[in-house]
Amino acid sequence: MIEENWNHCQIVEKSLCGEREIDEQTFASLGVLSERLERLKEFDRAFSEVEFSSAVKNLQDKHNVVAVG
């Protein structure tokens, strides 16, 4: 499972850095990481203030605009 998590992180990172295309795999990996972060926050309040970087939030916003539009 750790390797799978790392793969999702790498996909998002490389998409943000321009090393790979921003595509459905990027958004799927971002979705998985978002779900896991929410579960972590539910598991322990110590993680309640953990957030994605502004670059990742911007990427999420792009996906939300495409999904709605």
C-alpha atoms as a PDB file:
ATOM      1  CA  MET A   1       0.000   0.000   0.000  1.00  0.00           C
ATOM      2  CA  ILE A   2       2.867   2.408   0.700  1.00  0.00           C
ATOM      3  CA  GLU A   3       4.144   1.983  -2.852  1.00  0.00           C
ATOM      4  CA  GLU A   4       0.641   2.617  -4.216  1.00  0.00           C
ATOM      5  CA  ASN A   5       0.396   5.834  -2.165  1.00  0.00           C
ATOM      6  CA  TRP A   6       3.812   6.899  -3.393  1.00  0.00           C
ATOM      7  CA  ASN A   7       2.709   6.304  -6.980  1.00  0.00           C
ATOM      8  CA  HIS A   8      -0.291   8.642  -6.531  1.00  0.00           C
ATOM      9  CA  CYS A   9       2.004  11.262  -5.027  1.00  0.00           C
ATOM     10  CA  GLN A  10       4.445  10.922  -7.912  1.00  0.00           C
ATOM     11  CA  ILE A  11       1.701  11.254 -10.515  1.00  0.00           C
ATOM     12  CA  VAL A  12       0.415  14.479  -8.960  1.00  0.00           C
ATOM     13  CA  GLU A  13       3.925  15.838  -8.403  1.00  0.00           C
ATOM     14  CA  LYS A  14       5.049  15.143 -11.976  1.00  0.00           C
ATOM     15  CA  SER A  15       1.851  16.673 -13.335  1.00  0.00           C
ATOM     16  CA  LEU A  16       2.436  19.828 -11.317  1.00  0.00           C
ATOM     17  CA  CYS A  17       6.057  20.037 -12.468  1.00  0.00           C
ATOM     18  CA  GLY A  18       5.164  19.546 -16.120  1.00  0.00           C
ATOM     19  CA  GLU A  19       6.960  16.207 -16.340  1.00  0.00           C
ATOM     20  CA  ARG A  20       3.716  14.487 -17.343  1.00  0.00           C
ATOM     21  CA  GLU A  21       0.427  15.551 -18.782  1.00  0.00           C
ATOM     22  CA  ILE A  22      -2.392  16.668 -16.484  1.00  0.00           C
ATOM     23  CA  ASP A  23      -4.970  14.050 -17.344  1.00  0.00           C
ATOM     24  CA  GLU A  24      -7.638  11.845 -15.822  1.00  0.00           C
ATOM     25  CA  GLN A  25      -4.960   9.758 -14.065  1.00  0.00           C
ATOM     26  CA  THR A  26      -3.730  12.938 -12.379  1.00  0.00           C
ATOM     27  CA  PHE A  27      -7.224  13.741 -11.140  1.00  0.00           C
ATOM     28  CA  ALA A  28      -7.866  10.129 -10.113  1.00  0.00           C
ATOM     29  CA  SER A  29      -4.668  10.116  -8.050  1.00  0.00           C
ATOM     30  CA  LEU A  30      -5.593  13.473  -6.558  1.00  0.00           C
ATOM     31  CA  GLY A  31      -8.975  12.043  -5.602  1.00  0.00           C
ATOM     32  CA  VAL A  32      -7.373   9.064  -3.873  1.00  0.00           C
ATOM     33  CA  LEU A  33      -4.975  11.311  -1.960  1.00  0.00           C
ATOM     34  CA  SER A  34      -7.819  13.645  -0.968  1.00  0.00           C
ATOM     35  CA  GLU A  35      -9.876  10.751   0.388  1.00  0.00           C
ATOM     36  CA  ARG A  36      -6.915   9.421   2.345  1.00  0.00           C
ATOM     37  CA  LEU A  37      -6.181  12.839   3.825  1.00  0.00           C
ATOM     38  CA  GLU A  38      -9.790  13.150   4.973  1.00  0.00           C
ATOM     39  CA  ARG A  39      -9.639   9.697   6.593  1.00  0.00           C
ATOM     40  CA  LEU A  40      -6.428  10.659   8.345  1.00  0.00           C
ATOM     41  CA  LYS A  41      -8.065  13.812   9.686  1.00  0.00           C
ATOM     42  CA  GLU A  42     -10.994  11.744  10.978  1.00  0.00           C
ATOM     43  CA  PHE A  43      -8.605   9.267  12.566  1.00  0.00           C
ATOM     44  CA  ASP A  44      -6.683  11.817  14.615  1.00  0.00           C
ATOM     45  CA  ARG A  45      -7.408  15.476  15.280  1.00  0.00           C
ATOM     46  CA  ALA A  46      -3.667  16.145  15.241  1.00  0.00           C
ATOM     47  CA  PHE A  47      -3.958  16.114  11.435  1.00  0.00           C
ATOM     48  CA  SER A  48      -6.955  18.447  11.263  1.00  0.00           C
ATOM     49  CA  GLU A  49      -4.886  21.399  10.015  1.00  0.00           C
ATOM     50  CA  VAL A  50      -3.012  19.456   7.326  1.00  0.00           C
ATOM     51  CA  GLU A  51      -3.803  20.752   3.834  1.00  0.00           C
ATOM     52  CA  PHE A  52      -2.549  20.366   0.321  1.00  0.00           C
ATOM     53  CA  SER A  53      -0.240  23.015  -1.108  1.00  0.00           C
ATOM     54  CA  SER A  54      -1.683  25.931  -3.053  1.00  0.00           C
ATOM     55  CA  ALA A  55      -0.499  24.307  -6.288  1.00  0.00           C
ATOM     56  CA  VAL A  56      -2.481  21.152  -5.523  1.00  0.00           C
ATOM     57  CA  LYS A  57      -5.523  23.210  -4.511  1.00  0.00           C
ATOM     58  CA  ASN A  58      -5.313  25.047  -7.857  1.00  0.00           C
ATOM     59  CA  LEU A  59      -5.182  21.702  -9.639  1.00  0.00           C
ATOM     60  CA  GLN A  60      -8.273  20.568  -7.714  1.00  0.00           C
ATOM     61  CA  ASP A  61     -10.041  23.777  -8.713  1.00  0.00           C
ATOM     62  CA  LYS A  62      -9.223  23.132 -12.388  1.00  0.00           C
ATOM     63  CA  HIS A  63     -10.771  19.685 -12.127  1.00  0.00           C
ATOM     64  CA  ASN A  64     -13.864  21.051 -10.397  1.00  0.00           C
ATOM     65  CA  VAL A  65     -14.346  23.651 -13.146  1.00  0.00           C
ATOM     66  CA  VAL A  66     -14.007  21.002 -15.861  1.00  0.00           C
ATOM     67  CA  ALA A  67     -16.346  18.605 -14.039  1.00  0.00           C
ATOM     68  CA  VAL A  68     -19.021  21.266 -13.547  1.00  0.00           C
ATOM     69  CA  GLY A  69     -18.622  22.946 -16.926  1.00  0.00           C
END
